[in-house]
Every structure is written in C-alpha cells, then in structure tokens.
Amino acid sequence: MATITVQLQAYRSALADAQTKGDQAIARKIEQQIRELEEFQQRHPEEAEAPSPFEVFCDLNPSDINCRVYDD
C-alpha cells in the first residue's frame, strides 16, 4: 500500500496533468481529494498508510448513512 505522502504526490501530478490539458472539472475534483487527504493526515498524524477515498469521506462525514457502523 502507498503512504499518504506518495498518494499526495500522485494526486498533485494528476492535478498538473489535468491543468495542462485544461480539464477544469477533473482539476477541481483532484484539488478536493488533496484537501481531504491533507485534512485526514492532520487528524491522524500517526497514520502512514494512505486510506481509501471512502475512508477519507467517512472520516470527514461520520454521520453519513453510508458510514454508519452498527454493533451487534
């Protein structure tokens, strides 16, 4: 698995490619992913392994219906 630092580098590279191609919609989405991953990193400094986009989403939106966890 990739580290958060490696994932951020990959996102920044993809952002540069999207901006070079003039694809603003993709660039905005990647910028959002970068912001969210940086926020995740700030909230979880002990984490080294890059989380999935869904894990980041649930970390930022724990009350979302898709992120609820039920104990049996």
PDB file of N, CA and C in Angstrom:
ATOM      1  N   MET A   1       0.830  -1.186   0.000  1.00  0.00           N
ATOM      2  CA  MET A   1       0.000   0.000   0.000  1.00  0.00           C
ATOM      3  C   MET A   1       0.880   1.258   0.000  1.00  0.00           C
ATOM      4  N   ALA A   2       0.359   2.284  -0.576  1.00  0.00           N
ATOM      5  CA  ALA A   2       1.066   3.554  -0.671  1.00  0.00           C
ATOM      6  C   ALA A   2       0.937   4.338   0.635  1.00  0.00           C
ATOM      7  N   THR A   3       1.908   5.193   0.858  1.00  0.00           N
ATOM      8  CA  THR A   3       1.824   6.071   2.017  1.00  0.00           C
ATOM      9  C   THR A   3       1.018   7.313   1.626  1.00  0.00           C
ATOM     10  N   ILE A   4       0.635   8.063   2.626  1.00  0.00           N
ATOM     11  CA  ILE A   4      -0.126   9.291   2.372  1.00  0.00           C
ATOM     12  C   ILE A   4       0.705  10.255   1.533  1.00  0.00           C
ATOM     13  N   THR A   5       1.994  10.345   1.826  1.00  0.00           N
ATOM     14  CA  THR A   5       2.878  11.243   1.077  1.00  0.00           C
ATOM     15  C   THR A   5       2.936  10.849  -0.396  1.00  0.00           C
ATOM     16  N   VAL A   6       3.059   9.571  -0.663  1.00  0.00           N
ATOM     17  CA  VAL A   6       3.104   9.093  -2.044  1.00  0.00           C
ATOM     18  C   VAL A   6       1.777   9.360  -2.741  1.00  0.00           C
ATOM     19  N   GLN A   7       0.668   9.152  -2.032  1.00  0.00           N
ATOM     20  CA  GLN A   7      -0.652   9.401  -2.617  1.00  0.00           C
ATOM     21  C   GLN A   7      -0.830  10.880  -2.937  1.00  0.00           C
ATOM     22  N   LEU A   8      -0.383  11.750  -2.047  1.00  0.00           N
ATOM     23  CA  LEU A   8      -0.480  13.188  -2.298  1.00  0.00           C
ATOM     24  C   LEU A   8       0.353  13.583  -3.519  1.00  0.00           C
ATOM     25  N   GLN A   9       1.537  12.990  -3.655  1.00  0.00           N
ATOM     26  CA  GLN A   9       2.370  13.273  -4.830  1.00  0.00           C
ATOM     27  C   GLN A   9       1.665  12.826  -6.107  1.00  0.00           C
ATOM     28  N   ALA A  10       1.020  11.673  -6.057  1.00  0.00           N
ATOM     29  CA  ALA A  10       0.296  11.168  -7.229  1.00  0.00           C
ATOM     30  C   ALA A  10      -0.866  12.101  -7.578  1.00  0.00           C
ATOM     31  N   TYR A  11      -1.592  12.559  -6.557  1.00  0.00           N
ATOM     32  CA  TYR A  11      -2.691  13.498  -6.800  1.00  0.00           C
ATOM     33  C   TYR A  11      -2.176  14.800  -7.403  1.00  0.00           C
ATOM     34  N   ARG A  12      -1.058  15.303  -6.879  1.00  0.00           N
ATOM     35  CA  ARG A  12      -0.513  16.566  -7.394  1.00  0.00           C
ATOM     36  C   ARG A  12      -0.039  16.418  -8.837  1.00  0.00           C
ATOM     37  N   SER A  13       0.519  15.273  -9.160  1.00  0.00           N
ATOM     38  CA  SER A  13       0.933  15.003 -10.539  1.00  0.00           C
ATOM     39  C   SER A  13      -0.284  14.937 -11.460  1.00  0.00           C
ATOM     40  N   ALA A  14      -1.332  14.260 -11.007  1.00  0.00           N
ATOM     41  CA  ALA A  14      -2.566  14.177 -11.802  1.00  0.00           C
ATOM     42  C   ALA A  14      -3.207  15.552 -11.944  1.00  0.00           C
ATOM     43  N   LEU A  15      -3.115  16.373 -10.911  1.00  0.00           N
ATOM     44  CA  LEU A  15      -3.649  17.733 -10.976  1.00  0.00           C
ATOM     45  C   LEU A  15      -2.904  18.554 -12.021  1.00  0.00           C
ATOM     46  N   ALA A  16      -1.591  18.446 -12.029  1.00  0.00           N
ATOM     47  CA  ALA A  16      -0.796  19.179 -13.024  1.00  0.00           C
ATOM     48  C   ALA A  16      -1.156  18.734 -14.438  1.00  0.00           C
ATOM     49  N   ASP A  17      -1.350  17.438 -14.633  1.00  0.00           N
ATOM     50  CA  ASP A  17      -1.751  16.924 -15.949  1.00  0.00           C
ATOM     51  C   ASP A  17      -3.115  17.471 -16.368  1.00  0.00           C
ATOM     52  N   ALA A  18      -4.063  17.467 -15.429  1.00  0.00           N
ATOM     53  CA  ALA A  18      -5.403  17.957 -15.735  1.00  0.00           C
ATOM     54  C   ALA A  18      -5.380  19.447 -16.067  1.00  0.00           C
ATOM     55  N   GLN A  19      -4.583  20.209 -15.324  1.00  0.00           N
ATOM     56  CA  GLN A  19      -4.493  21.640 -15.588  1.00  0.00           C
ATOM     57  C   GLN A  19      -3.823  21.907 -16.934  1.00  0.00           C
ATOM     58  N   THR A  20      -2.819  21.101 -17.273  1.00  0.00           N
ATOM     59  CA  THR A  20      -2.138  21.242 -18.565  1.00  0.00           C
ATOM     60  C   THR A  20      -3.105  20.973 -19.717  1.00  0.00           C
ATOM     61  N   LYS A  21      -3.968  19.981 -19.527  1.00  0.00           N
ATOM     62  CA  LYS A  21      -4.945  19.620 -20.560  1.00  0.00           C
ATOM     63  C   LYS A  21      -6.146  20.563 -20.571  1.00  0.00           C
ATOM     64  N   GLY A  22      -6.255  21.411 -19.552  1.00  0.00           N
ATOM     65  CA  GLY A  22      -7.371  22.348 -19.482  1.00  0.00           C
ATOM     66  C   GLY A  22      -8.664  21.718 -18.993  1.00  0.00           C
ATOM     67  N   ASP A  23      -8.581  20.561 -18.351  1.00  0.00           N
ATOM     68  CA  ASP A  23      -9.767  19.866 -17.844  1.00  0.00           C
ATOM     69  C   ASP A  23     -10.063  20.357 -16.429  1.00  0.00           C
ATOM     70  N   GLN A  24     -10.852  21.412 -16.335  1.00  0.00           N
ATOM     71  CA  GLN A  24     -11.111  22.069 -15.058  1.00  0.00           C
ATOM     72  C   GLN A  24     -11.944  21.214 -14.108  1.00  0.00           C
ATOM     73  N   ALA A  25     -12.868  20.428 -14.628  1.00  0.00           N
ATOM     74  CA  ALA A  25     -13.707  19.593 -13.766  1.00  0.00           C
ATOM     75  C   ALA A  25     -12.853  18.552 -13.041  1.00  0.00           C
ATOM     76  N   ILE A  26     -11.966  17.907 -13.769  1.00  0.00           N
ATOM     77  CA  ILE A  26     -11.078  16.915 -13.164  1.00  0.00           C
ATOM     78  C   ILE A  26     -10.129  17.602 -12.181  1.00  0.00           C
ATOM     79  N   ALA A  27      -9.626  18.765 -12.551  1.00  0.00           N
ATOM     80  CA  ALA A  27      -8.709  19.503 -11.676  1.00  0.00           C
ATOM     81  C   ALA A  27      -9.385  19.859 -10.350  1.00  0.00           C
ATOM     82  N   ARG A  28     -10.636  20.300 -10.396  1.00  0.00           N
ATOM     83  CA  ARG A  28     -11.355  20.638  -9.161  1.00  0.00           C
ATOM     84  C   ARG A  28     -11.550  19.402  -8.285  1.00  0.00           C
ATOM     85  N   LYS A  29     -11.871  18.275  -8.897  1.00  0.00           N
ATOM     86  CA  LYS A  29     -12.067  17.035  -8.144  1.00  0.00           C
ATOM     87  C   LYS A  29     -10.764  16.606  -7.470  1.00  0.00           C
ATOM     88  N   ILE A  30      -9.668  16.685  -8.187  1.00  0.00           N
ATOM     89  CA  ILE A  30      -8.378  16.303  -7.620  1.00  0.00           C
ATOM     90  C   ILE A  30      -7.972  17.269  -6.507  1.00  0.00           C
ATOM     91  N   GLU A  31      -8.231  18.561  -6.687  1.00  0.00           N
ATOM     92  CA  GLU A  31      -7.946  19.535  -5.632  1.00  0.00           C
ATOM     93  C   GLU A  31      -8.724  19.186  -4.367  1.00  0.00           C
ATOM     94  N   GLN A  32      -9.973  18.773  -4.528  1.00  0.00           N
ATOM     95  CA  GLN A  32     -10.800  18.370  -3.383  1.00  0.00           C
ATOM     96  C   GLN A  32     -10.206  17.140  -2.705  1.00  0.00           C
ATOM     97  N   GLN A  33      -9.753  16.165  -3.492  1.00  0.00           N
ATOM     98  CA  GLN A  33      -9.146  14.971  -2.925  1.00  0.00           C
ATOM     99  C   GLN A  33      -7.877  15.313  -2.152  1.00  0.00           C
ATOM    100  N   ILE A  34      -7.091  16.242  -2.674  1.00  0.00           N
ATOM    101  CA  ILE A  34      -5.868  16.664  -1.990  1.00  0.00           C
ATOM    102  C   ILE A  34      -6.223  17.319  -0.657  1.00  0.00           C
ATOM    103  N   ARG A  35      -7.188  18.235  -0.659  1.00  0.00           N
ATOM    104  CA  ARG A  35      -7.596  18.911   0.577  1.00  0.00           C
ATOM    105  C   ARG A  35      -8.081  17.898   1.619  1.00  0.00           C
ATOM    106  N   GLU A  36      -8.923  16.955   1.171  1.00  0.00           N
ATOM    107  CA  GLU A  36      -9.476  15.976   2.099  1.00  0.00           C
ATOM    108  C   GLU A  36      -8.398  15.058   2.664  1.00  0.00           C
ATOM    109  N   LEU A  37      -7.455  14.630   1.825  1.00  0.00           N
ATOM    110  CA  LEU A  37      -6.385  13.757   2.303  1.00  0.00           C
ATOM    111  C   LEU A  37      -5.451  14.506   3.250  1.00  0.00           C
ATOM    112  N   GLU A  38      -5.177  15.775   2.968  1.00  0.00           N
ATOM    113  CA  GLU A  38      -4.354  16.579   3.878  1.00  0.00           C
ATOM    114  C   GLU A  38      -5.061  16.760   5.214  1.00  0.00           C
ATOM    115  N   GLU A  39      -6.377  16.961   5.186  1.00  0.00           N
ATOM    116  CA  GLU A  39      -7.138  17.092   6.426  1.00  0.00           C
ATOM    117  C   GLU A  39      -7.116  15.771   7.206  1.00  0.00           C
ATOM    118  N   PHE A  40      -7.255  14.661   6.491  1.00  0.00           N
ATOM    119  CA  PHE A  40      -7.172  13.344   7.134  1.00  0.00           C
ATOM    120  C   PHE A  40      -5.811  13.179   7.802  1.00  0.00           C
ATOM    121  N   GLN A  41      -4.758  13.578   7.086  1.00  0.00           N
ATOM    122  CA  GLN A  41      -3.409  13.458   7.609  1.00  0.00           C
ATOM    123  C   GLN A  41      -3.230  14.298   8.873  1.00  0.00           C
ATOM    124  N   GLN A  42      -3.820  15.477   8.912  1.00  0.00           N
ATOM    125  CA  GLN A  42      -3.732  16.329  10.092  1.00  0.00           C
ATOM    126  C   GLN A  42      -4.479  15.715  11.275  1.00  0.00           C
ATOM    127  N   ARG A  43      -5.608  15.073  10.996  1.00  0.00           N
ATOM    128  CA  ARG A  43      -6.425  14.483  12.054  1.00  0.00           C
ATOM    129  C   ARG A  43      -5.832  13.171  12.557  1.00  0.00           C
ATOM    130  N   HIS A  44      -5.036  12.505  11.712  1.00  0.00           N
ATOM    131  CA  HIS A  44      -4.457  11.202  12.053  1.00  0.00           C
ATOM    132  C   HIS A  44      -2.961  11.197  11.746  1.00  0.00           C
ATOM    133  N   PRO A  45      -2.170  11.956  12.496  1.00  0.00           N
ATOM    134  CA  PRO A  45      -0.737  12.053  12.194  1.00  0.00           C
ATOM    135  C   PRO A  45       0.004  10.727  12.359  1.00  0.00           C
ATOM    136  N   GLU A  46      -0.564   9.797  13.124  1.00  0.00           N
ATOM    137  CA  GLU A  46       0.088   8.506  13.331  1.00  0.00           C
ATOM    138  C   GLU A  46      -0.086   7.559  12.145  1.00  0.00           C
ATOM    139  N   GLU A  47      -1.036   7.864  11.259  1.00  0.00           N
ATOM    140  CA  GLU A  47      -1.293   7.015  10.095  1.00  0.00           C
ATOM    141  C   GLU A  47      -0.246   7.268   9.021  1.00  0.00           C
ATOM    142  N   ALA A  48       0.330   6.201   8.509  1.00  0.00           N
ATOM    143  CA  ALA A  48       1.302   6.317   7.417  1.00  0.00           C
ATOM    144  C   ALA A  48       0.708   5.806   6.111  1.00  0.00           C
ATOM    145  N   GLU A  49      -0.106   4.747   6.211  1.00  0.00           N
ATOM    146  CA  GLU A  49      -0.697   4.144   5.027  1.00  0.00           C
ATOM    147  C   GLU A  49      -1.837   5.014   4.506  1.00  0.00           C
ATOM    148  N   ALA A  50      -1.870   5.190   3.195  1.00  0.00           N
ATOM    149  CA  ALA A  50      -2.898   6.023   2.587  1.00  0.00           C
ATOM    150  C   ALA A  50      -4.260   5.338   2.691  1.00  0.00           C
ATOM    151  N   PRO A  51      -5.257   6.054   3.170  1.00  0.00           N
ATOM    152  CA  PRO A  51      -6.602   5.488   3.255  1.00  0.00           C
ATOM    153  C   PRO A  51      -7.267   5.524   1.880  1.00  0.00           C
ATOM    154  N   SER A  52      -8.317   4.748   1.746  1.00  0.00           N
ATOM    155  CA  SER A  52      -9.085   4.790   0.505  1.00  0.00           C
ATOM    156  C   SER A  52      -9.903   6.084   0.494  1.00  0.00           C
ATOM    157  N   PRO A  53     -10.347   6.521  -0.668  1.00  0.00           N
ATOM    158  CA  PRO A  53     -11.199   7.711  -0.713  1.00  0.00           C
ATOM    159  C   PRO A  53     -12.455   7.557   0.156  1.00  0.00           C
ATOM    160  N   PHE A  54     -12.983   6.339   0.244  1.00  0.00           N
ATOM    161  CA  PHE A  54     -14.159   6.110   1.080  1.00  0.00           C
ATOM    162  C   PHE A  54     -13.830   6.288   2.560  1.00  0.00           C
ATOM    163  N   GLU A  55     -12.660   5.819   2.991  1.00  0.00           N
ATOM    164  CA  GLU A  55     -12.241   6.001   4.379  1.00  0.00           C
ATOM    165  C   GLU A  55     -12.083   7.477   4.713  1.00  0.00           C
ATOM    166  N   VAL A  56     -11.533   8.231   3.782  1.00  0.00           N
ATOM    167  CA  VAL A  56     -11.378   9.679   3.994  1.00  0.00           C
ATOM    168  C   VAL A  56     -12.750  10.329   4.100  1.00  0.00           C
ATOM    169  N   PHE A  57     -13.658   9.953   3.196  1.00  0.00           N
ATOM    170  CA  PHE A  57     -15.016  10.505   3.216  1.00  0.00           C
ATOM    171  C   PHE A  57     -15.687  10.227   4.559  1.00  0.00           C
ATOM    172  N   CYS A  58     -15.608   8.987   5.023  1.00  0.00           N
ATOM    173  CA  CYS A  58     -16.263   8.634   6.285  1.00  0.00           C
ATOM    174  C   CYS A  58     -15.602   9.304   7.484  1.00  0.00           C
ATOM    175  N   ASP A  59     -14.300   9.534   7.411  1.00  0.00           N
ATOM    176  CA  ASP A  59     -13.623  10.251   8.485  1.00  0.00           C
ATOM    177  C   ASP A  59     -14.139  11.683   8.566  1.00  0.00           C
ATOM    178  N   LEU A  60     -14.401  12.281   7.419  1.00  0.00           N
ATOM    179  CA  LEU A  60     -14.877  13.665   7.380  1.00  0.00           C
ATOM    180  C   LEU A  60     -16.384  13.774   7.558  1.00  0.00           C
ATOM    181  N   ASN A  61     -17.118  12.677   7.298  1.00  0.00           N
ATOM    182  CA  ASN A  61     -18.583  12.678   7.367  1.00  0.00           C
ATOM    183  C   ASN A  61     -19.079  11.446   8.123  1.00  0.00           C
ATOM    184  N   PRO A  62     -18.753  11.321   9.406  1.00  0.00           N
ATOM    185  CA  PRO A  62     -19.095  10.090  10.126  1.00  0.00           C
ATOM    186  C   PRO A  62     -20.593   9.841  10.270  1.00  0.00           C
ATOM    187  N   SER A  63     -21.419  10.855  10.162  1.00  0.00           N
ATOM    188  CA  SER A  63     -22.853  10.658  10.321  1.00  0.00           C
ATOM    189  C   SER A  63     -23.559  10.301   9.010  1.00  0.00           C
ATOM    190  N   ASP A  64     -22.832  10.266   7.906  1.00  0.00           N
ATOM    191  CA  ASP A  64     -23.428   9.879   6.632  1.00  0.00           C
ATOM    192  C   ASP A  64     -23.953   8.453   6.734  1.00  0.00           C
ATOM    193  N   ILE A  65     -25.071   8.179   6.125  1.00  0.00           N
ATOM    194  CA  ILE A  65     -25.703   6.868   6.220  1.00  0.00           C
ATOM    195  C   ILE A  65     -24.791   5.750   5.715  1.00  0.00           C
ATOM    196  N   ASN A  66     -23.940   6.043   4.754  1.00  0.00           N
ATOM    197  CA  ASN A  66     -23.035   5.019   4.217  1.00  0.00           C
ATOM    198  C   ASN A  66     -21.856   4.728   5.145  1.00  0.00           C
ATOM    199  N   CYS A  67     -21.663   5.569   6.149  1.00  0.00           N
ATOM    200  CA  CYS A  67     -20.509   5.417   7.029  1.00  0.00           C
ATOM    201  C   CYS A  67     -20.875   4.901   8.425  1.00  0.00           C
ATOM    202  N   ARG A  68     -22.135   4.666   8.644  1.00  0.00           N
ATOM    203  CA  ARG A  68     -22.563   4.201   9.969  1.00  0.00           C
ATOM    204  C   ARG A  68     -22.061   2.796  10.233  1.00  0.00           C
ATOM    205  N   VAL A  69     -21.688   2.565  11.486  1.00  0.00           N
ATOM    206  CA  VAL A  69     -21.229   1.252  11.917  1.00  0.00           C
ATOM    207  C   VAL A  69     -22.148   0.810  13.037  1.00  0.00           C
ATOM    208  N   TYR A  70     -22.666  -0.395  12.912  1.00  0.00           N
ATOM    209  CA  TYR A  70     -23.593  -0.926  13.917  1.00  0.00           C
ATOM    210  C   TYR A  70     -22.917  -2.057  14.676  1.00  0.00           C
ATOM    211  N   ASP A  71     -23.015  -2.009  15.987  1.00  0.00           N
ATOM    212  CA  ASP A  71     -22.514  -3.083  16.833  1.00  0.00           C
ATOM    213  C   ASP A  71     -23.625  -4.088  17.044  1.00  0.00           C
ATOM    214  N   ASP A  72     -23.275  -5.346  16.946  1.00  0.00           N
ATOM    215  CA  ASP A  72     -24.273  -6.398  17.171  1.00  0.00           C
ATOM    216  C   ASP A  72     -24.332  -6.789  18.612  1.00  0.00           C
TER     217      ASP A  72
END
